[in-house]
Amino acid sequence: MSQCPDGCCQGNEILCVSIPCPISIVLLGLELQLELPCIKLTAQDSLTPAQIQQILSVLSGIIGSLGTNIASE
């Protein structure tokens, strides 16, 4: 069995998704592999508390929406 490499997330990102090994997905009867080594959302400047709250609000809405869509199917 092959071992997956370490992910790319450092812990200082606004959002980081790292899936270093392919994931098998079946979509409409088709077997697919998702390879997503790294998606990062960072800011060059320090964020204000208001900006952080705004980002958290948007991300919460997106994540809540995903959960609702998955649960309803």
PDB file of N, CA and C in Angstrom:
ATOM      1  N   MET A   1       0.844  -1.182   0.000  1.00  0.00           N
ATOM      2  CA  MET A   1       0.000   0.000   0.000  1.00  0.00           C
ATOM      3  C   MET A   1       0.888   1.243   0.000  1.00  0.00           C
ATOM      4  N   SER A   2       0.617   2.183  -0.917  1.00  0.00           N
ATOM      5  CA  SER A   2       1.430   3.389  -0.983  1.00  0.00           C
ATOM      6  C   SER A   2       0.984   4.382   0.075  1.00  0.00           C
ATOM      7  N   GLN A   3       1.920   5.207   0.512  1.00  0.00           N
ATOM      8  CA  GLN A   3       1.641   6.176   1.562  1.00  0.00           C
ATOM      9  C   GLN A   3       1.409   7.547   0.940  1.00  0.00           C
ATOM     10  N   CYS A   4       0.466   8.303   1.482  1.00  0.00           N
ATOM     11  CA  CYS A   4       0.168   9.638   0.980  1.00  0.00           C
ATOM     12  C   CYS A   4       1.225  10.626   1.454  1.00  0.00           C
ATOM     13  N   PRO A   5       1.552  11.614   0.615  1.00  0.00           N
ATOM     14  CA  PRO A   5       2.480  12.656   1.073  1.00  0.00           C
ATOM     15  C   PRO A   5       1.791  13.552   2.104  1.00  0.00           C
ATOM     16  N   ASP A   6       2.572  14.343   2.816  1.00  0.00           N
ATOM     17  CA  ASP A   6       2.014  15.290   3.779  1.00  0.00           C
ATOM     18  C   ASP A   6       1.174  16.325   3.044  1.00  0.00           C
ATOM     19  N   GLY A   7       0.182  16.848   3.715  1.00  0.00           N
ATOM     20  CA  GLY A   7      -0.639  17.903   3.138  1.00  0.00           C
ATOM     21  C   GLY A   7       0.124  19.213   3.089  1.00  0.00           C
ATOM     22  N   CYS A   8      -0.470  20.208   2.455  1.00  0.00           N
ATOM     23  CA  CYS A   8       0.209  21.491   2.263  1.00  0.00           C
ATOM     24  C   CYS A   8      -0.187  22.540   3.298  1.00  0.00           C
ATOM     25  N   CYS A   9      -1.187  22.281   4.131  1.00  0.00           N
ATOM     26  CA  CYS A   9      -1.681  23.295   5.072  1.00  0.00           C
ATOM     27  C   CYS A   9      -0.657  23.569   6.172  1.00  0.00           C
ATOM     28  N   GLN A  10      -0.459  24.860   6.445  1.00  0.00           N
ATOM     29  CA  GLN A  10       0.497  25.285   7.467  1.00  0.00           C
ATOM     30  C   GLN A  10      -0.190  25.672   8.771  1.00  0.00           C
ATOM     31  N   GLY A  11      -1.493  26.002   8.703  1.00  0.00           N
ATOM     32  CA  GLY A  11      -2.221  26.402   9.894  1.00  0.00           C
ATOM     33  C   GLY A  11      -2.416  27.894  10.032  1.00  0.00           C
ATOM     34  N   ASN A  12      -1.821  28.687   9.151  1.00  0.00           N
ATOM     35  CA  ASN A  12      -1.964  30.143   9.227  1.00  0.00           C
ATOM     36  C   ASN A  12      -2.840  30.700   8.105  1.00  0.00           C
ATOM     37  N   GLU A  13      -3.485  29.806   7.349  1.00  0.00           N
ATOM     38  CA  GLU A  13      -4.336  30.231   6.251  1.00  0.00           C
ATOM     39  C   GLU A  13      -5.737  30.570   6.762  1.00  0.00           C
ATOM     40  N   ILE A  14      -6.473  31.364   5.984  1.00  0.00           N
ATOM     41  CA  ILE A  14      -7.871  31.628   6.289  1.00  0.00           C
ATOM     42  C   ILE A  14      -8.653  30.339   6.074  1.00  0.00           C
ATOM     43  N   LEU A  15      -8.351  29.659   4.977  1.00  0.00           N
ATOM     44  CA  LEU A  15      -8.964  28.369   4.663  1.00  0.00           C
ATOM     45  C   LEU A  15      -7.947  27.558   3.880  1.00  0.00           C
ATOM     46  N   CYS A  16      -7.787  26.309   4.219  1.00  0.00           N
ATOM     47  CA  CYS A  16      -6.880  25.442   3.486  1.00  0.00           C
ATOM     48  C   CYS A  16      -7.503  24.056   3.392  1.00  0.00           C
ATOM     49  N   VAL A  17      -7.576  23.533   2.176  1.00  0.00           N
ATOM     50  CA  VAL A  17      -8.081  22.186   1.939  1.00  0.00           C
ATOM     51  C   VAL A  17      -6.973  21.421   1.240  1.00  0.00           C
ATOM     52  N   SER A  18      -6.548  20.332   1.840  1.00  0.00           N
ATOM     53  CA  SER A  18      -5.484  19.527   1.258  1.00  0.00           C
ATOM     54  C   SER A  18      -5.915  18.065   1.265  1.00  0.00           C
ATOM     55  N   ILE A  19      -6.013  17.489   0.088  1.00  0.00           N
ATOM     56  CA  ILE A  19      -6.319  16.072  -0.064  1.00  0.00           C
ATOM     57  C   ILE A  19      -5.178  15.495  -0.907  1.00  0.00           C
ATOM     58  N   PRO A  20      -4.074  15.116  -0.270  1.00  0.00           N
ATOM     59  CA  PRO A  20      -2.879  14.729  -1.020  1.00  0.00           C
ATOM     60  C   PRO A  20      -2.999  13.410  -1.784  1.00  0.00           C
ATOM     61  N   CYS A  21      -3.935  12.556  -1.407  1.00  0.00           N
ATOM     62  CA  CYS A  21      -4.136  11.302  -2.131  1.00  0.00           C
ATOM     63  C   CYS A  21      -5.469  11.354  -2.866  1.00  0.00           C
ATOM     64  N   PRO A  22      -5.539  10.744  -4.037  1.00  0.00           N
ATOM     65  CA  PRO A  22      -6.801  10.750  -4.786  1.00  0.00           C
ATOM     66  C   PRO A  22      -7.924  10.076  -4.006  1.00  0.00           C
ATOM     67  N   ILE A  23      -9.124  10.597  -4.191  1.00  0.00           N
ATOM     68  CA  ILE A  23     -10.329  10.044  -3.586  1.00  0.00           C
ATOM     69  C   ILE A  23     -11.185   9.474  -4.711  1.00  0.00           C
ATOM     70  N   SER A  24     -11.676   8.272  -4.537  1.00  0.00           N
ATOM     71  CA  SER A  24     -12.558   7.664  -5.535  1.00  0.00           C
ATOM     72  C   SER A  24     -13.987   8.131  -5.293  1.00  0.00           C
ATOM     73  N   ILE A  25     -14.635   8.556  -6.372  1.00  0.00           N
ATOM     74  CA  ILE A  25     -16.013   9.043  -6.309  1.00  0.00           C
ATOM     75  C   ILE A  25     -16.798   8.373  -7.434  1.00  0.00           C
ATOM     76  N   VAL A  26     -18.023   7.980  -7.137  1.00  0.00           N
ATOM     77  CA  VAL A  26     -18.920   7.489  -8.181  1.00  0.00           C
ATOM     78  C   VAL A  26     -19.995   8.546  -8.366  1.00  0.00           C
ATOM     79  N   LEU A  27     -20.086   9.101  -9.567  1.00  0.00           N
ATOM     80  CA  LEU A  27     -21.047  10.141  -9.887  1.00  0.00           C
ATOM     81  C   LEU A  27     -21.840   9.697 -11.105  1.00  0.00           C
ATOM     82  N   LEU A  28     -23.126   9.528 -10.931  1.00  0.00           N
ATOM     83  CA  LEU A  28     -24.004   9.083 -12.011  1.00  0.00           C
ATOM     84  C   LEU A  28     -23.507   7.795 -12.654  1.00  0.00           C
ATOM     85  N   GLY A  29     -22.992   6.903 -11.834  1.00  0.00           N
ATOM     86  CA  GLY A  29     -22.521   5.613 -12.320  1.00  0.00           C
ATOM     87  C   GLY A  29     -21.114   5.629 -12.898  1.00  0.00           C
ATOM     88  N   LEU A  30     -20.477   6.788 -12.934  1.00  0.00           N
ATOM     89  CA  LEU A  30     -19.106   6.889 -13.455  1.00  0.00           C
ATOM     90  C   LEU A  30     -18.129   6.896 -12.296  1.00  0.00           C
ATOM     91  N   GLU A  31     -17.112   6.064 -12.373  1.00  0.00           N
ATOM     92  CA  GLU A  31     -16.085   6.056 -11.338  1.00  0.00           C
ATOM     93  C   GLU A  31     -15.052   7.127 -11.675  1.00  0.00           C
ATOM     94  N   LEU A  32     -14.866   8.056 -10.747  1.00  0.00           N
ATOM     95  CA  LEU A  32     -13.954   9.181 -10.939  1.00  0.00           C
ATOM     96  C   LEU A  32     -12.955   9.237  -9.798  1.00  0.00           C
ATOM     97  N   GLN A  33     -11.837   9.893 -10.049  1.00  0.00           N
ATOM     98  CA  GLN A  33     -10.855  10.146  -8.997  1.00  0.00           C
ATOM     99  C   GLN A  33     -10.677  11.646  -8.850  1.00  0.00           C
ATOM    100  N   LEU A  34     -10.820  12.139  -7.616  1.00  0.00           N
ATOM    101  CA  LEU A  34     -10.619  13.549  -7.305  1.00  0.00           C
ATOM    102  C   LEU A  34      -9.216  13.711  -6.747  1.00  0.00           C
ATOM    103  N   GLU A  35      -8.419  14.532  -7.406  1.00  0.00           N
ATOM    104  CA  GLU A  35      -7.073  14.838  -6.926  1.00  0.00           C
ATOM    105  C   GLU A  35      -7.023  16.328  -6.649  1.00  0.00           C
ATOM    106  N   LEU A  36      -6.886  16.674  -5.386  1.00  0.00           N
ATOM    107  CA  LEU A  36      -6.927  18.059  -4.952  1.00  0.00           C
ATOM    108  C   LEU A  36      -5.763  18.296  -3.992  1.00  0.00           C
ATOM    109  N   PRO A  37      -4.552  18.499  -4.541  1.00  0.00           N
ATOM    110  CA  PRO A  37      -3.399  18.602  -3.650  1.00  0.00           C
ATOM    111  C   PRO A  37      -3.482  19.767  -2.673  1.00  0.00           C
ATOM    112  N   CYS A  38      -4.012  20.925  -3.115  1.00  0.00           N
ATOM    113  CA  CYS A  38      -4.059  22.044  -2.179  1.00  0.00           C
ATOM    114  C   CYS A  38      -4.876  23.206  -2.729  1.00  0.00           C
ATOM    115  N   ILE A  39      -5.770  23.714  -1.898  1.00  0.00           N
ATOM    116  CA  ILE A  39      -6.465  24.975  -2.165  1.00  0.00           C
ATOM    117  C   ILE A  39      -6.273  25.818  -0.918  1.00  0.00           C
ATOM    118  N   LYS A  40      -5.728  27.023  -1.103  1.00  0.00           N
ATOM    119  CA  LYS A  40      -5.469  27.913   0.034  1.00  0.00           C
ATOM    120  C   LYS A  40      -6.131  29.260  -0.192  1.00  0.00           C
ATOM    121  N   LEU A  41      -6.644  29.824   0.896  1.00  0.00           N
ATOM    122  CA  LEU A  41      -7.166  31.185   0.902  1.00  0.00           C
ATOM    123  C   LEU A  41      -6.356  31.939   1.941  1.00  0.00           C
ATOM    124  N   THR A  42      -5.562  32.902   1.481  1.00  0.00           N
ATOM    125  CA  THR A  42      -4.716  33.675   2.387  1.00  0.00           C
ATOM    126  C   THR A  42      -4.903  35.171   2.109  1.00  0.00           C
ATOM    127  N   ALA A  43      -4.430  35.993   3.015  1.00  0.00           N
ATOM    128  CA  ALA A  43      -4.466  37.443   2.852  1.00  0.00           C
ATOM    129  C   ALA A  43      -3.042  37.973   2.991  1.00  0.00           C
ATOM    130  N   GLN A  44      -2.672  38.932   2.141  1.00  0.00           N
ATOM    131  CA  GLN A  44      -1.326  39.502   2.205  1.00  0.00           C
ATOM    132  C   GLN A  44      -1.157  40.415   3.411  1.00  0.00           C
ATOM    133  N   ASP A  45      -2.230  41.105   3.795  1.00  0.00           N
ATOM    134  CA  ASP A  45      -2.192  42.012   4.938  1.00  0.00           C
ATOM    135  C   ASP A  45      -2.966  41.403   6.096  1.00  0.00           C
ATOM    136  N   SER A  46      -2.724  41.907   7.294  1.00  0.00           N
ATOM    137  CA  SER A  46      -3.482  41.449   8.454  1.00  0.00           C
ATOM    138  C   SER A  46      -4.944  41.846   8.298  1.00  0.00           C
ATOM    139  N   LEU A  47      -5.823  40.956   8.708  1.00  0.00           N
ATOM    140  CA  LEU A  47      -7.249  41.231   8.611  1.00  0.00           C
ATOM    141  C   LEU A  47      -7.752  41.898   9.881  1.00  0.00           C
ATOM    142  N   THR A  48      -8.726  42.795   9.705  1.00  0.00           N
ATOM    143  CA  THR A  48      -9.356  43.429  10.866  1.00  0.00           C
ATOM    144  C   THR A  48     -10.368  42.442  11.461  1.00  0.00           C
ATOM    145  N   PRO A  49     -10.739  42.638  12.719  1.00  0.00           N
ATOM    146  CA  PRO A  49     -11.765  41.759  13.301  1.00  0.00           C
ATOM    147  C   PRO A  49     -13.073  41.754  12.493  1.00  0.00           C
ATOM    148  N   ALA A  50     -13.452  42.890  11.923  1.00  0.00           N
ATOM    149  CA  ALA A  50     -14.673  42.963  11.109  1.00  0.00           C
ATOM    150  C   ALA A  50     -14.529  42.117   9.842  1.00  0.00           C
ATOM    151  N   GLN A  51     -13.349  42.160   9.204  1.00  0.00           N
ATOM    152  CA  GLN A  51     -13.110  41.348   8.014  1.00  0.00           C
ATOM    153  C   GLN A  51     -13.128  39.862   8.351  1.00  0.00           C
ATOM    154  N   ILE A  52     -12.526  39.499   9.468  1.00  0.00           N
ATOM    155  CA  ILE A  52     -12.516  38.096   9.903  1.00  0.00           C
ATOM    156  C   ILE A  52     -13.948  37.617  10.139  1.00  0.00           C
ATOM    157  N   GLN A  53     -14.753  38.434  10.796  1.00  0.00           N
ATOM    158  CA  GLN A  53     -16.146  38.067  11.062  1.00  0.00           C
ATOM    159  C   GLN A  53     -16.929  37.917   9.766  1.00  0.00           C
ATOM    160  N   GLN A  54     -16.665  38.800   8.797  1.00  0.00           N
ATOM    161  CA  GLN A  54     -17.352  38.729   7.513  1.00  0.00           C
ATOM    162  C   GLN A  54     -16.990  37.436   6.780  1.00  0.00           C
ATOM    163  N   ILE A  55     -15.714  37.065   6.792  1.00  0.00           N
ATOM    164  CA  ILE A  55     -15.264  35.828   6.141  1.00  0.00           C
ATOM    165  C   ILE A  55     -15.882  34.615   6.830  1.00  0.00           C
ATOM    166  N   LEU A  56     -15.889  34.609   8.163  1.00  0.00           N
ATOM    167  CA  LEU A  56     -16.488  33.496   8.904  1.00  0.00           C
ATOM    168  C   LEU A  56     -17.973  33.360   8.595  1.00  0.00           C
ATOM    169  N   SER A  57     -18.660  34.471   8.456  1.00  0.00           N
ATOM    170  CA  SER A  57     -20.086  34.454   8.141  1.00  0.00           C
ATOM    171  C   SER A  57     -20.331  33.833   6.772  1.00  0.00           C
ATOM    172  N   VAL A  58     -19.533  34.235   5.787  1.00  0.00           N
ATOM    173  CA  VAL A  58     -19.673  33.691   4.432  1.00  0.00           C
ATOM    174  C   VAL A  58     -19.361  32.200   4.422  1.00  0.00           C
ATOM    175  N   LEU A  59     -18.256  31.809   5.062  1.00  0.00           N
ATOM    176  CA  LEU A  59     -17.877  30.393   5.096  1.00  0.00           C
ATOM    177  C   LEU A  59     -18.919  29.554   5.827  1.00  0.00           C
ATOM    178  N   SER A  60     -19.475  30.078   6.912  1.00  0.00           N
ATOM    179  CA  SER A  60     -20.522  29.358   7.641  1.00  0.00           C
ATOM    180  C   SER A  60     -21.740  29.136   6.760  1.00  0.00           C
ATOM    181  N   GLY A  61     -22.089  30.145   5.985  1.00  0.00           N
ATOM    182  CA  GLY A  61     -23.222  30.021   5.065  1.00  0.00           C
ATOM    183  C   GLY A  61     -22.977  28.969   4.001  1.00  0.00           C
ATOM    184  N   ILE A  62     -21.766  28.961   3.448  1.00  0.00           N
ATOM    185  CA  ILE A  62     -21.422  27.979   2.417  1.00  0.00           C
ATOM    186  C   ILE A  62     -21.439  26.569   2.996  1.00  0.00           C
ATOM    187  N   ILE A  63     -20.807  26.386   4.140  1.00  0.00           N
ATOM    188  CA  ILE A  63     -20.742  25.071   4.762  1.00  0.00           C
ATOM    189  C   ILE A  63     -22.139  24.607   5.181  1.00  0.00           C
ATOM    190  N   GLY A  64     -22.955  25.502   5.720  1.00  0.00           N
ATOM    191  CA  GLY A  64     -24.318  25.157   6.098  1.00  0.00           C
ATOM    192  C   GLY A  64     -25.141  24.762   4.892  1.00  0.00           C
ATOM    193  N   SER A  65     -24.939  25.463   3.793  1.00  0.00           N
ATOM    194  CA  SER A  65     -25.632  25.160   2.548  1.00  0.00           C
ATOM    195  C   SER A  65     -25.264  23.783   2.026  1.00  0.00           C
ATOM    196  N   LEU A  66     -23.980  23.465   2.078  1.00  0.00           N
ATOM    197  CA  LEU A  66     -23.529  22.143   1.637  1.00  0.00           C
ATOM    198  C   LEU A  66     -24.157  21.053   2.487  1.00  0.00           C
ATOM    199  N   GLY A  67     -24.166  21.253   3.796  1.00  0.00           N
ATOM    200  CA  GLY A  67     -24.752  20.274   4.696  1.00  0.00           C
ATOM    201  C   GLY A  67     -26.228  20.080   4.445  1.00  0.00           C
ATOM    202  N   THR A  68     -26.955  21.170   4.188  1.00  0.00           N
ATOM    203  CA  THR A  68     -28.384  21.091   3.915  1.00  0.00           C
ATOM    204  C   THR A  68     -28.646  20.362   2.599  1.00  0.00           C
ATOM    205  N   ASN A  69     -27.859  20.675   1.569  1.00  0.00           N
ATOM    206  CA  ASN A  69     -28.038  20.024   0.273  1.00  0.00           C
ATOM    207  C   ASN A  69     -27.741  18.534   0.347  1.00  0.00           C
ATOM    208  N   ILE A  70     -26.706  18.157   1.072  1.00  0.00           N
ATOM    209  CA  ILE A  70     -26.345  16.737   1.204  1.00  0.00           C
ATOM    210  C   ILE A  70     -27.411  15.991   2.006  1.00  0.00           C
ATOM    211  N   ALA A  71     -27.908  16.604   3.073  1.00  0.00           N
ATOM    212  CA  ALA A  71     -28.905  15.950   3.930  1.00  0.00           C
ATOM    213  C   ALA A  71     -30.237  15.778   3.214  1.00  0.00           C
ATOM    214  N   SER A  72     -30.564  16.688   2.294  1.00  0.00           N
ATOM    215  CA  SER A  72     -31.860  16.597   1.625  1.00  0.00           C
ATOM    216  C   SER A  72     -31.871  15.578   0.489  1.00  0.00           C
ATOM    217  N   GLU A  73     -30.723  15.066   0.100  1.00  0.00           N
ATOM    218  CA  GLU A  73     -30.677  14.111  -1.011  1.00  0.00           C
ATOM    219  C   GLU A  73     -30.823  12.714  -0.576  1.00  0.00           C
TER     220      GLU A  73
END
